[in-house]
Amino acid sequence: MKKSLISVFVLILAIPSFAQFFDTPEELIYYTSEWQGERFEDGRPKVADEVLERIKNISIEEAWGVLRSKGYHSQFEGDWVILHDDEPVVGRALTALYMPKRSELMDRFTEKGHELGRLGAMNSWPIDALQQGDVYVADGFGKVVDGTLIGDNLGNAIYANSGNGVVFDGGSRDMEGLSKIEGFNAFVRGFDPSYLTESMLMGINVPIRIGRATVFPGDVVLAKKTGVLFIPAHLAEELVIRAEFIMLRDMFGHEMLKTGIYTPGQIDGRWSDEIKAAFLEWVKNNPDELPMTQEDLDVYLKDRTW
């Protein structure tokens, strides 16, 4: 155990001084090397805006099923207090890690951060790093009372920088004020009038835990009334196509069940050639229902075994 702790300490000392609080771009690229697309300057994967827009229309269950099939079993967390439960939050995760305060460590980290050009209190630093389309995701170790990571002032700054909302395993204050920020939404553990105290920031853009989910910087956040799903960036585009197909298949299946053309056993089981043909005919006759292009659907069906 002692050897392990010493190794971690040596690793921290070996990192350049500007990165003692945050992962370097090189580290982020290494740990997210499955992603082959565009990146932010901080190293995070930059999933395309068009993919994010399509993900907004996917249900948690559809997306969860795709991730489960890929071996990702720890990407969902439920049980949230939601500012606007009818407004989804979708975007790229910018992560922050908080821990209970230890005075000497917090003082030295704050001093070092100011030397590196960080302004103000620690809890404003992740907000300064936000880009448009980001979702601020913070591990506040579940603290609500005296664990309110933002109020309406910081909420306005978050929305100005990201045009998006937040997911906090922690608390927030100023529920009334935050609710007035048009387009902003918050998934938190609770609201409380107290101020943030006895907490310190330990990392920006580092892997974090949100309940039973592991979150990487650059993950796509899909937050809806059901809960929050964190989608690895390298799976986002494939997930969209597969989830859209599931959505299309379900639409056809529901219509067939409502009209009594097929039984639940036929629709829920492996489809016969007759049902497959009926589905393709239904798609042809309902082009407005397609969530993807016909070309994308044709490519997907080519390799699908149904």
C-alpha atoms as a PDB file:
ATOM      1  CA  MET A   1       0.000   0.000   0.000  1.00  0.00           C
ATOM      2  CA  LYS A   2       2.847   2.382   0.948  1.00  0.00           C
ATOM      3  CA  LYS A   3       4.624   1.651  -2.329  1.00  0.00           C
ATOM      4  CA  SER A   4       1.433   2.466  -4.290  1.00  0.00           C
ATOM      5  CA  LEU A   5       0.976   5.811  -2.538  1.00  0.00           C
ATOM      6  CA  ILE A   6       4.634   6.726  -3.056  1.00  0.00           C
ATOM      7  CA  SER A   7       4.304   5.903  -6.778  1.00  0.00           C
ATOM      8  CA  VAL A   8       1.291   8.189  -7.109  1.00  0.00           C
ATOM      9  CA  PHE A   9       3.122  10.992  -5.291  1.00  0.00           C
ATOM     10  CA  VAL A  10       6.165  10.618  -7.551  1.00  0.00           C
ATOM     11  CA  LEU A  11       3.907  10.680 -10.632  1.00  0.00           C
ATOM     12  CA  ILE A  12       2.296  13.928  -9.486  1.00  0.00           C
ATOM     13  CA  LEU A  13       5.688  15.529  -8.916  1.00  0.00           C
ATOM     14  CA  ALA A  14       6.833  14.397 -12.366  1.00  0.00           C
ATOM     15  CA  ILE A  15       3.982  16.213 -14.134  1.00  0.00           C
ATOM     16  CA  PRO A  16       4.877  19.747 -15.322  1.00  0.00           C
ATOM     17  CA  SER A  17       3.848  22.469 -12.845  1.00  0.00           C
ATOM     18  CA  PHE A  18       1.051  23.808 -15.021  1.00  0.00           C
ATOM     19  CA  ALA A  19      -0.648  20.382 -14.919  1.00  0.00           C
ATOM     20  CA  GLN A  20      -0.528  19.587 -11.217  1.00  0.00           C
ATOM     21  CA  PHE A  21      -4.237  20.428 -11.122  1.00  0.00           C
ATOM     22  CA  PHE A  22      -5.293  19.218 -14.551  1.00  0.00           C
ATOM     23  CA  ASP A  23      -4.447  16.527 -17.077  1.00  0.00           C
ATOM     24  CA  THR A  24      -2.298  17.691 -19.980  1.00  0.00           C
ATOM     25  CA  PRO A  25      -3.627  17.488 -23.557  1.00  0.00           C
ATOM     26  CA  GLU A  26      -1.119  14.694 -24.195  1.00  0.00           C
ATOM     27  CA  GLU A  27      -2.533  12.634 -21.334  1.00  0.00           C
ATOM     28  CA  LEU A  28      -6.106  13.190 -22.488  1.00  0.00           C
ATOM     29  CA  ILE A  29      -5.225  12.121 -26.019  1.00  0.00           C
ATOM     30  CA  TYR A  30      -3.556   8.984 -24.653  1.00  0.00           C
ATOM     31  CA  TYR A  31      -6.463   7.967 -22.425  1.00  0.00           C
ATOM     32  CA  THR A  32      -9.039   8.642 -25.153  1.00  0.00           C
ATOM     33  CA  SER A  33      -6.978   7.225 -28.017  1.00  0.00           C
ATOM     34  CA  GLU A  34      -9.992   5.316 -29.431  1.00  0.00           C
ATOM     35  CA  TRP A  35     -11.235   8.710 -30.648  1.00  0.00           C
ATOM     36  CA  GLN A  36      -9.761   9.550 -34.055  1.00  0.00           C
ATOM     37  CA  GLY A  37     -11.570  12.809 -34.790  1.00  0.00           C
ATOM     38  CA  GLU A  38     -11.204  16.501 -34.026  1.00  0.00           C
ATOM     39  CA  ARG A  39     -10.132  17.623 -30.553  1.00  0.00           C
ATOM     40  CA  PHE A  40     -10.218  20.753 -28.433  1.00  0.00           C
ATOM     41  CA  GLU A  41      -6.932  22.436 -27.521  1.00  0.00           C
ATOM     42  CA  ASP A  42      -7.242  20.873 -24.063  1.00  0.00           C
ATOM     43  CA  GLY A  43      -7.147  17.418 -25.697  1.00  0.00           C
ATOM     44  CA  ARG A  44     -10.798  16.488 -25.273  1.00  0.00           C
ATOM     45  CA  PRO A  45     -12.557  14.699 -28.138  1.00  0.00           C
ATOM     46  CA  LYS A  46     -14.835  17.085 -30.040  1.00  0.00           C
ATOM     47  CA  VAL A  47     -17.864  15.107 -31.166  1.00  0.00           C
ATOM     48  CA  ALA A  48     -19.549  16.909 -34.077  1.00  0.00           C
ATOM     49  CA  ASP A  49     -22.456  19.261 -33.380  1.00  0.00           C
ATOM     50  CA  GLU A  50     -24.599  17.353 -35.892  1.00  0.00           C
ATOM     51  CA  VAL A  51     -24.153  14.140 -33.899  1.00  0.00           C
ATOM     52  CA  LEU A  52     -25.067  15.946 -30.668  1.00  0.00           C
ATOM     53  CA  GLU A  53     -28.265  17.260 -32.256  1.00  0.00           C
ATOM     54  CA  ARG A  54     -29.285  13.756 -33.301  1.00  0.00           C
ATOM     55  CA  ILE A  55     -28.498  12.332 -29.868  1.00  0.00           C
ATOM     56  CA  LYS A  56     -31.056  14.739 -28.355  1.00  0.00           C
ATOM     57  CA  ASN A  57     -33.829  12.720 -30.013  1.00  0.00           C
ATOM     58  CA  ILE A  58     -32.660   9.351 -28.665  1.00  0.00           C
ATOM     59  CA  SER A  59     -34.119   7.856 -25.506  1.00  0.00           C
ATOM     60  CA  ILE A  60     -31.927   6.873 -22.573  1.00  0.00           C
ATOM     61  CA  GLU A  61     -33.023   3.250 -22.995  1.00  0.00           C
ATOM     62  CA  GLU A  62     -32.089   3.121 -26.674  1.00  0.00           C
ATOM     63  CA  ALA A  63     -28.656   4.614 -26.065  1.00  0.00           C
ATOM     64  CA  TRP A  64     -28.094   2.532 -22.912  1.00  0.00           C
ATOM     65  CA  GLY A  65     -28.821  -0.660 -24.854  1.00  0.00           C
ATOM     66  CA  VAL A  66     -26.171   0.161 -27.449  1.00  0.00           C
ATOM     67  CA  LEU A  67     -23.546   0.914 -24.774  1.00  0.00           C
ATOM     68  CA  ARG A  68     -24.426  -2.281 -22.903  1.00  0.00           C
ATOM     69  CA  SER A  69     -23.899  -4.306 -26.072  1.00  0.00           C
ATOM     70  CA  LYS A  70     -20.436  -2.743 -26.369  1.00  0.00           C
ATOM     71  CA  GLY A  71     -19.460  -3.775 -22.846  1.00  0.00           C
ATOM     72  CA  TYR A  72     -19.983  -0.377 -21.198  1.00  0.00           C
ATOM     73  CA  HIS A  73     -21.969  -1.209 -18.056  1.00  0.00           C
ATOM     74  CA  SER A  74     -21.124   1.808 -15.890  1.00  0.00           C
ATOM     75  CA  GLN A  75     -22.322   4.826 -17.872  1.00  0.00           C
ATOM     76  CA  PHE A  76     -25.747   5.621 -16.368  1.00  0.00           C
ATOM     77  CA  GLU A  77     -26.800   7.378 -13.183  1.00  0.00           C
ATOM     78  CA  GLY A  78     -30.343   8.166 -12.066  1.00  0.00           C
ATOM     79  CA  ASP A  79     -32.062   9.810  -9.086  1.00  0.00           C
ATOM     80  CA  TRP A  80     -31.615  13.513  -9.879  1.00  0.00           C
ATOM     81  CA  VAL A  81     -33.236  16.752  -8.827  1.00  0.00           C
ATOM     82  CA  ILE A  82     -33.820  18.494 -12.166  1.00  0.00           C
ATOM     83  CA  LEU A  83     -34.344  22.211 -12.672  1.00  0.00           C
ATOM     84  CA  HIS A  84     -36.520  21.659 -15.793  1.00  0.00           C
ATOM     85  CA  ASP A  85     -37.424  17.988 -16.133  1.00  0.00           C
ATOM     86  CA  ASP A  86     -38.804  18.432 -19.658  1.00  0.00           C
ATOM     87  CA  GLU A  87     -35.591  19.933 -21.110  1.00  0.00           C
ATOM     88  CA  PRO A  88     -32.765  17.516 -22.028  1.00  0.00           C
ATOM     89  CA  VAL A  89     -29.121  18.463 -21.636  1.00  0.00           C
ATOM     90  CA  VAL A  90     -26.803  17.174 -24.373  1.00  0.00           C
ATOM     91  CA  GLY A  91     -23.177  18.118 -24.938  1.00  0.00           C
ATOM     92  CA  ARG A  92     -19.513  17.301 -24.413  1.00  0.00           C
ATOM     93  CA  ALA A  93     -18.395  16.730 -20.835  1.00  0.00           C
ATOM     94  CA  LEU A  94     -15.945  19.087 -19.189  1.00  0.00           C
ATOM     95  CA  THR A  95     -15.217  17.350 -15.901  1.00  0.00           C
ATOM     96  CA  ALA A  96     -14.252  18.657 -12.470  1.00  0.00           C
ATOM     97  CA  LEU A  97     -13.242  16.687  -9.392  1.00  0.00           C
ATOM     98  CA  TYR A  98     -13.938  18.032  -5.893  1.00  0.00           C
ATOM     99  CA  MET A  99     -12.890  16.577  -2.557  1.00  0.00           C
ATOM    100  CA  PRO A 100     -13.458  17.488   1.103  1.00  0.00           C
ATOM    101  CA  LYS A 101     -11.279  20.433   2.051  1.00  0.00           C
ATOM    102  CA  ARG A 102      -7.824  19.979   3.543  1.00  0.00           C
ATOM    103  CA  SER A 103      -6.636  23.495   4.338  1.00  0.00           C
ATOM    104  CA  GLU A 104      -2.921  23.308   3.536  1.00  0.00           C
ATOM    105  CA  LEU A 105      -3.546  21.507   0.237  1.00  0.00           C
ATOM    106  CA  MET A 106      -6.317  23.888  -0.810  1.00  0.00           C
ATOM    107  CA  ASP A 107      -4.188  26.936   0.045  1.00  0.00           C
ATOM    108  CA  ARG A 108      -1.257  25.676  -2.023  1.00  0.00           C
ATOM    109  CA  PHE A 109      -3.424  24.650  -4.967  1.00  0.00           C
ATOM    110  CA  THR A 110      -5.154  28.034  -4.906  1.00  0.00           C
ATOM    111  CA  GLU A 111      -1.800  29.834  -4.806  1.00  0.00           C
ATOM    112  CA  LYS A 112      -0.445  27.721  -7.665  1.00  0.00           C
ATOM    113  CA  GLY A 113      -3.612  28.274  -9.701  1.00  0.00           C
ATOM    114  CA  HIS A 114      -3.340  32.042  -9.302  1.00  0.00           C
ATOM    115  CA  GLU A 115       0.324  31.898 -10.346  1.00  0.00           C
ATOM    116  CA  LEU A 116      -0.786  30.099 -13.493  1.00  0.00           C
ATOM    117  CA  GLY A 117      -3.339  32.803 -14.293  1.00  0.00           C
ATOM    118  CA  ARG A 118      -6.454  31.279 -12.753  1.00  0.00           C
ATOM    119  CA  LEU A 119      -8.743  33.954 -11.336  1.00  0.00           C
ATOM    120  CA  GLY A 120     -10.882  34.026  -8.217  1.00  0.00           C
ATOM    121  CA  ALA A 121     -12.112  31.062  -6.213  1.00  0.00           C
ATOM    122  CA  MET A 122     -11.426  27.476  -7.271  1.00  0.00           C
ATOM    123  CA  ASN A 123     -15.029  26.680  -8.168  1.00  0.00           C
ATOM    124  CA  SER A 124     -14.953  29.313 -10.928  1.00  0.00           C
ATOM    125  CA  TRP A 125     -11.966  27.752 -12.713  1.00  0.00           C
ATOM    126  CA  PRO A 126     -13.868  24.965 -14.541  1.00  0.00           C
ATOM    127  CA  ILE A 127     -16.404  27.569 -15.686  1.00  0.00           C
ATOM    128  CA  ASP A 128     -13.639  29.665 -17.232  1.00  0.00           C
ATOM    129  CA  ALA A 129     -12.532  26.578 -19.208  1.00  0.00           C
ATOM    130  CA  LEU A 130     -15.953  25.852 -20.770  1.00  0.00           C
ATOM    131  CA  GLN A 131     -16.418  25.920 -24.560  1.00  0.00           C
ATOM    132  CA  GLN A 132     -19.682  26.259 -26.477  1.00  0.00           C
ATOM    133  CA  GLY A 133     -21.540  22.945 -26.408  1.00  0.00           C
ATOM    134  CA  ASP A 134     -19.854  21.731 -23.203  1.00  0.00           C
ATOM    135  CA  VAL A 135     -21.704  20.322 -20.220  1.00  0.00           C
ATOM    136  CA  TYR A 136     -20.062  21.073 -16.883  1.00  0.00           C
ATOM    137  CA  VAL A 137     -19.976  17.698 -15.071  1.00  0.00           C
ATOM    138  CA  ALA A 138     -18.690  17.760 -11.490  1.00  0.00           C
ATOM    139  CA  ASP A 139     -18.060  15.120  -8.873  1.00  0.00           C
ATOM    140  CA  GLY A 140     -18.981  16.990  -5.693  1.00  0.00           C
ATOM    141  CA  PHE A 141     -18.952  13.724  -3.675  1.00  0.00           C
ATOM    142  CA  GLY A 142     -22.726  13.962  -3.206  1.00  0.00           C
ATOM    143  CA  LYS A 143     -22.569  16.975  -0.897  1.00  0.00           C
ATOM    144  CA  VAL A 144     -25.654  19.222  -0.959  1.00  0.00           C
ATOM    145  CA  VAL A 145     -25.670  21.255   2.293  1.00  0.00           C
ATOM    146  CA  ASP A 146     -22.567  23.505   2.034  1.00  0.00           C
ATOM    147  CA  GLY A 147     -21.847  21.679  -1.230  1.00  0.00           C
ATOM    148  CA  THR A 148     -23.596  24.083  -3.613  1.00  0.00           C
ATOM    149  CA  LEU A 149     -21.184  24.326  -6.524  1.00  0.00           C
ATOM    150  CA  ILE A 150     -23.028  27.193  -8.221  1.00  0.00           C
ATOM    151  CA  GLY A 151     -25.715  29.818  -7.741  1.00  0.00           C
ATOM    152  CA  ASP A 152     -27.403  32.030 -10.298  1.00  0.00           C
ATOM    153  CA  ASN A 153     -24.306  34.229 -10.863  1.00  0.00           C
ATOM    154  CA  LEU A 154     -22.132  31.278 -11.831  1.00  0.00           C
ATOM    155  CA  GLY A 155     -25.097  29.738 -13.664  1.00  0.00           C
ATOM    156  CA  ASN A 156     -25.242  32.779 -15.932  1.00  0.00           C
ATOM    157  CA  ALA A 157     -21.486  32.524 -16.534  1.00  0.00           C
ATOM    158  CA  ILE A 158     -21.811  28.811 -17.369  1.00  0.00           C
ATOM    159  CA  TYR A 159     -24.544  29.464 -19.900  1.00  0.00           C
ATOM    160  CA  ALA A 160     -22.621  32.386 -21.444  1.00  0.00           C
ATOM    161  CA  ASN A 161     -19.535  30.187 -21.940  1.00  0.00           C
ATOM    162  CA  SER A 162     -21.189  26.905 -22.952  1.00  0.00           C
ATOM    163  CA  GLY A 163     -24.763  27.643 -24.011  1.00  0.00           C
ATOM    164  CA  ASN A 164     -25.579  24.547 -21.968  1.00  0.00           C
ATOM    165  CA  GLY A 165     -26.309  23.156 -18.505  1.00  0.00           C
ATOM    166  CA  VAL A 166     -24.683  21.176 -15.698  1.00  0.00           C
ATOM    167  CA  VAL A 167     -24.636  17.728 -14.098  1.00  0.00           C
ATOM    168  CA  PHE A 168     -23.439  17.793 -10.478  1.00  0.00           C
ATOM    169  CA  ASP A 169     -23.020  14.957  -8.019  1.00  0.00           C
ATOM    170  CA  GLY A 170     -23.451  17.714  -5.460  1.00  0.00           C
ATOM    171  CA  GLY A 171     -25.709  20.642  -4.732  1.00  0.00           C
ATOM    172  CA  SER A 172     -26.701  23.998  -6.140  1.00  0.00           C
ATOM    173  CA  ARG A 173     -28.271  27.125  -4.716  1.00  0.00           C
ATOM    174  CA  ASP A 174     -30.522  29.846  -6.176  1.00  0.00           C
ATOM    175  CA  MET A 175     -33.034  27.517  -7.805  1.00  0.00           C
ATOM    176  CA  GLU A 176     -35.358  30.422  -8.547  1.00  0.00           C
ATOM    177  CA  GLY A 177     -32.632  32.507 -10.163  1.00  0.00           C
ATOM    178  CA  LEU A 178     -31.248  29.605 -12.197  1.00  0.00           C
ATOM    179  CA  SER A 179     -34.710  28.774 -13.522  1.00  0.00           C
ATOM    180  CA  LYS A 180     -34.839  32.212 -15.159  1.00  0.00           C
ATOM    181  CA  ILE A 181     -31.796  31.536 -17.368  1.00  0.00           C
ATOM    182  CA  GLU A 182     -33.420  30.614 -20.673  1.00  0.00           C
ATOM    183  CA  GLY A 183     -31.878  27.464 -22.139  1.00  0.00           C
ATOM    184  CA  PHE A 184     -30.053  26.484 -18.930  1.00  0.00           C
ATOM    185  CA  ASN A 185     -30.815  23.265 -17.057  1.00  0.00           C
ATOM    186  CA  ALA A 186     -29.295  21.541 -14.037  1.00  0.00           C
ATOM    187  CA  PHE A 187     -29.206  17.921 -12.890  1.00  0.00           C
ATOM    188  CA  VAL A 188     -28.086  18.008  -9.245  1.00  0.00           C
ATOM    189  CA  ARG A 189     -28.491  16.022  -6.018  1.00  0.00           C
ATOM    190  CA  GLY A 190     -30.448  18.814  -4.385  1.00  0.00           C
ATOM    191  CA  PHE A 191     -30.887  22.557  -3.892  1.00  0.00           C
ATOM    192  CA  ASP A 192     -29.935  24.322  -0.683  1.00  0.00           C
ATOM    193  CA  PRO A 193     -29.546  27.998   0.323  1.00  0.00           C
ATOM    194  CA  SER A 194     -26.089  27.392   1.832  1.00  0.00           C
ATOM    195  CA  TYR A 195     -22.807  28.477   0.270  1.00  0.00           C
ATOM    196  CA  LEU A 196     -20.042  26.161  -0.911  1.00  0.00           C
ATOM    197  CA  THR A 197     -17.655  25.454   1.934  1.00  0.00           C
ATOM    198  CA  GLU A 198     -15.253  22.742   3.084  1.00  0.00           C
ATOM    199  CA  SER A 199     -14.751  21.571  -0.526  1.00  0.00           C
ATOM    200  CA  MET A 200     -11.749  21.957  -2.810  1.00  0.00           C
ATOM    201  CA  LEU A 201     -11.139  21.483  -6.514  1.00  0.00           C
ATOM    202  CA  MET A 202      -8.667  18.700  -7.280  1.00  0.00           C
ATOM    203  CA  GLY A 203      -8.806  18.417 -11.057  1.00  0.00           C
ATOM    204  CA  ILE A 204     -10.259  19.707 -14.317  1.00  0.00           C
ATOM    205  CA  ASN A 205     -10.692  17.361 -17.282  1.00  0.00           C
ATOM    206  CA  VAL A 206      -9.806  14.246 -15.323  1.00  0.00           C
ATOM    207  CA  PRO A 207     -11.845  11.006 -15.211  1.00  0.00           C
ATOM    208  CA  ILE A 208     -14.476  11.276 -12.467  1.00  0.00           C
ATOM    209  CA  ARG A 209     -17.173   9.194 -10.824  1.00  0.00           C
ATOM    210  CA  ILE A 210     -20.800  10.316 -10.954  1.00  0.00           C
ATOM    211  CA  GLY A 211     -22.683   7.853  -8.756  1.00  0.00           C
ATOM    212  CA  ARG A 212     -22.310   4.488 -10.480  1.00  0.00           C
ATOM    213  CA  ALA A 213     -20.970   5.982 -13.713  1.00  0.00           C
ATOM    214  CA  THR A 214     -17.393   6.658 -14.831  1.00  0.00           C
ATOM    215  CA  VAL A 215     -17.067   9.832 -16.885  1.00  0.00           C
ATOM    216  CA  PHE A 216     -14.225  10.828 -19.200  1.00  0.00           C
ATOM    217  CA  PRO A 217     -13.588  14.372 -20.438  1.00  0.00           C
ATOM    218  CA  GLY A 218     -15.229  14.680 -23.852  1.00  0.00           C
ATOM    219  CA  ASP A 219     -17.890  12.016 -23.201  1.00  0.00           C
ATOM    220  CA  VAL A 220     -21.246  12.935 -24.705  1.00  0.00           C
ATOM    221  CA  VAL A 221     -23.730  13.739 -21.937  1.00  0.00           C
ATOM    222  CA  LEU A 222     -27.330  12.659 -22.554  1.00  0.00           C
ATOM    223  CA  ALA A 223     -29.386  13.936 -19.610  1.00  0.00           C
ATOM    224  CA  LYS A 224     -33.156  13.422 -19.585  1.00  0.00           C
ATOM    225  CA  LYS A 225     -35.904  12.900 -17.030  1.00  0.00           C
ATOM    226  CA  THR A 226     -34.961   9.209 -16.767  1.00  0.00           C
ATOM    227  CA  GLY A 227     -31.402  10.055 -15.735  1.00  0.00           C
ATOM    228  CA  VAL A 228     -27.976  10.817 -17.193  1.00  0.00           C
ATOM    229  CA  LEU A 229     -25.991   8.673 -19.632  1.00  0.00           C
ATOM    230  CA  PHE A 230     -22.332   9.326 -20.441  1.00  0.00           C
ATOM    231  CA  ILE A 231     -21.445   8.135 -23.953  1.00  0.00           C
ATOM    232  CA  PRO A 232     -17.769   7.525 -24.830  1.00  0.00           C
ATOM    233  CA  ALA A 233     -16.891   9.907 -27.655  1.00  0.00           C
ATOM    234  CA  HIS A 234     -15.610   7.194 -29.985  1.00  0.00           C
ATOM    235  CA  LEU A 235     -18.984   5.403 -29.836  1.00  0.00           C
ATOM    236  CA  ALA A 236     -21.214   8.455 -30.298  1.00  0.00           C
ATOM    237  CA  GLU A 237     -21.682   8.300 -34.077  1.00  0.00           C
ATOM    238  CA  GLU A 238     -22.209   4.535 -34.193  1.00  0.00           C
ATOM    239  CA  LEU A 239     -24.586   4.793 -31.251  1.00  0.00           C
ATOM    240  CA  VAL A 240     -26.671   7.408 -33.061  1.00  0.00           C
ATOM    241  CA  ILE A 241     -27.217   5.181 -36.088  1.00  0.00           C
ATOM    242  CA  ARG A 242     -28.016   2.082 -34.029  1.00  0.00           C
ATOM    243  CA  ALA A 243     -30.309   3.938 -31.641  1.00  0.00           C
ATOM    244  CA  GLU A 244     -32.110   5.655 -34.514  1.00  0.00           C
ATOM    245  CA  PHE A 245     -32.680   2.262 -36.125  1.00  0.00           C
ATOM    246  CA  ILE A 246     -34.087   0.919 -32.848  1.00  0.00           C
ATOM    247  CA  MET A 247     -36.363   3.967 -32.703  1.00  0.00           C
ATOM    248  CA  LEU A 248     -37.531   3.343 -36.280  1.00  0.00           C
ATOM    249  CA  ARG A 249     -38.050  -0.369 -35.646  1.00  0.00           C
ATOM    250  CA  ASP A 250     -40.086   0.435 -32.503  1.00  0.00           C
ATOM    251  CA  MET A 251     -42.277   2.909 -34.410  1.00  0.00           C
ATOM    252  CA  PHE A 252     -43.069   0.227 -36.981  1.00  0.00           C
ATOM    253  CA  GLY A 253     -43.628  -2.383 -34.288  1.00  0.00           C
ATOM    254  CA  HIS A 254     -46.001  -0.173 -32.288  1.00  0.00           C
ATOM    255  CA  GLU A 255     -48.062   0.540 -35.389  1.00  0.00           C
ATOM    256  CA  MET A 256     -48.251  -3.159 -36.273  1.00  0.00           C
ATOM    257  CA  LEU A 257     -49.361  -4.036 -32.727  1.00  0.00           C
ATOM    258  CA  LYS A 258     -51.979  -1.262 -32.573  1.00  0.00           C
ATOM    259  CA  THR A 259     -53.496  -2.360 -35.867  1.00  0.00           C
ATOM    260  CA  GLY A 260     -53.308  -6.049 -34.915  1.00  0.00           C
ATOM    261  CA  ILE A 261     -51.334  -7.000 -38.009  1.00  0.00           C
ATOM    262  CA  TYR A 262     -48.739  -8.853 -35.930  1.00  0.00           C
ATOM    263  CA  THR A 263     -48.747 -10.261 -32.404  1.00  0.00           C
ATOM    264  CA  PRO A 264     -46.411  -9.198 -29.562  1.00  0.00           C
ATOM    265  CA  GLY A 265     -44.594 -12.513 -29.888  1.00  0.00           C
ATOM    266  CA  GLN A 266     -43.896 -11.853 -33.560  1.00  0.00           C
ATOM    267  CA  ILE A 267     -42.721  -8.266 -33.018  1.00  0.00           C
ATOM    268  CA  ASP A 268     -40.656  -8.918 -29.879  1.00  0.00           C
ATOM    269  CA  GLY A 269     -39.038 -12.057 -31.258  1.00  0.00           C
ATOM    270  CA  ARG A 270     -36.680 -12.555 -34.174  1.00  0.00           C
ATOM    271  CA  TRP A 271     -38.397 -11.133 -37.240  1.00  0.00           C
ATOM    272  CA  SER A 272     -39.448 -13.410 -40.048  1.00  0.00           C
ATOM    273  CA  ASP A 273     -38.635 -12.545 -43.659  1.00  0.00           C
ATOM    274  CA  GLU A 274     -42.268 -11.465 -44.031  1.00  0.00           C
ATOM    275  CA  ILE A 275     -41.973  -8.915 -41.193  1.00  0.00           C
ATOM    276  CA  LYS A 276     -38.632  -7.648 -42.515  1.00  0.00           C
ATOM    277  CA  ALA A 277     -40.208  -7.058 -45.913  1.00  0.00           C
ATOM    278  CA  ALA A 278     -43.187  -5.318 -44.289  1.00  0.00           C
ATOM    279  CA  PHE A 279     -40.814  -3.101 -42.334  1.00  0.00           C
ATOM    280  CA  LEU A 280     -38.874  -2.059 -45.451  1.00  0.00           C
ATOM    281  CA  GLU A 281     -42.146  -1.320 -47.248  1.00  0.00           C
ATOM    282  CA  TRP A 282     -43.322   0.736 -44.242  1.00  0.00           C
ATOM    283  CA  VAL A 283     -40.063   2.730 -44.322  1.00  0.00           C
ATOM    284  CA  LYS A 284     -40.521   3.373 -48.033  1.00  0.00           C
ATOM    285  CA  ASN A 285     -44.065   4.653 -47.458  1.00  0.00           C
ATOM    286  CA  ASN A 286     -43.129   6.802 -44.429  1.00  0.00           C
ATOM    287  CA  PRO A 287     -40.001   8.755 -45.441  1.00  0.00           C
ATOM    288  CA  ASP A 288     -40.808  11.583 -42.996  1.00  0.00           C
ATOM    289  CA  GLU A 289     -40.395   9.176 -40.086  1.00  0.00           C
ATOM    290  CA  LEU A 290     -36.729   8.497 -40.915  1.00  0.00           C
ATOM    291  CA  PRO A 291     -34.457   9.928 -38.171  1.00  0.00           C
ATOM    292  CA  MET A 292     -31.425   9.306 -40.412  1.00  0.00           C
ATOM    293  CA  THR A 293     -30.839   9.594 -44.163  1.00  0.00           C
ATOM    294  CA  GLN A 294     -31.959   6.760 -46.419  1.00  0.00           C
ATOM    295  CA  GLU A 295     -28.302   6.276 -47.374  1.00  0.00           C
ATOM    296  CA  ASP A 296     -27.304   5.838 -43.720  1.00  0.00           C
ATOM    297  CA  LEU A 297     -30.116   3.347 -43.216  1.00  0.00           C
ATOM    298  CA  ASP A 298     -29.148   1.358 -46.315  1.00  0.00           C
ATOM    299  CA  VAL A 299     -25.517   1.124 -45.150  1.00  0.00           C
ATOM    300  CA  TYR A 300     -26.604   0.071 -41.678  1.00  0.00           C
ATOM    301  CA  LEU A 301     -29.026  -2.608 -42.915  1.00  0.00           C
ATOM    302  CA  LYS A 302     -26.366  -4.042 -45.202  1.00  0.00           C
ATOM    303  CA  ASP A 303     -24.346  -5.365 -42.271  1.00  0.00           C
ATOM    304  CA  ARG A 304     -27.221  -6.031 -39.882  1.00  0.00           C
ATOM    305  CA  THR A 305     -28.364  -9.590 -39.137  1.00  0.00           C
ATOM    306  CA  TRP A 306     -31.683  -8.359 -37.690  1.00  0.00           C
END
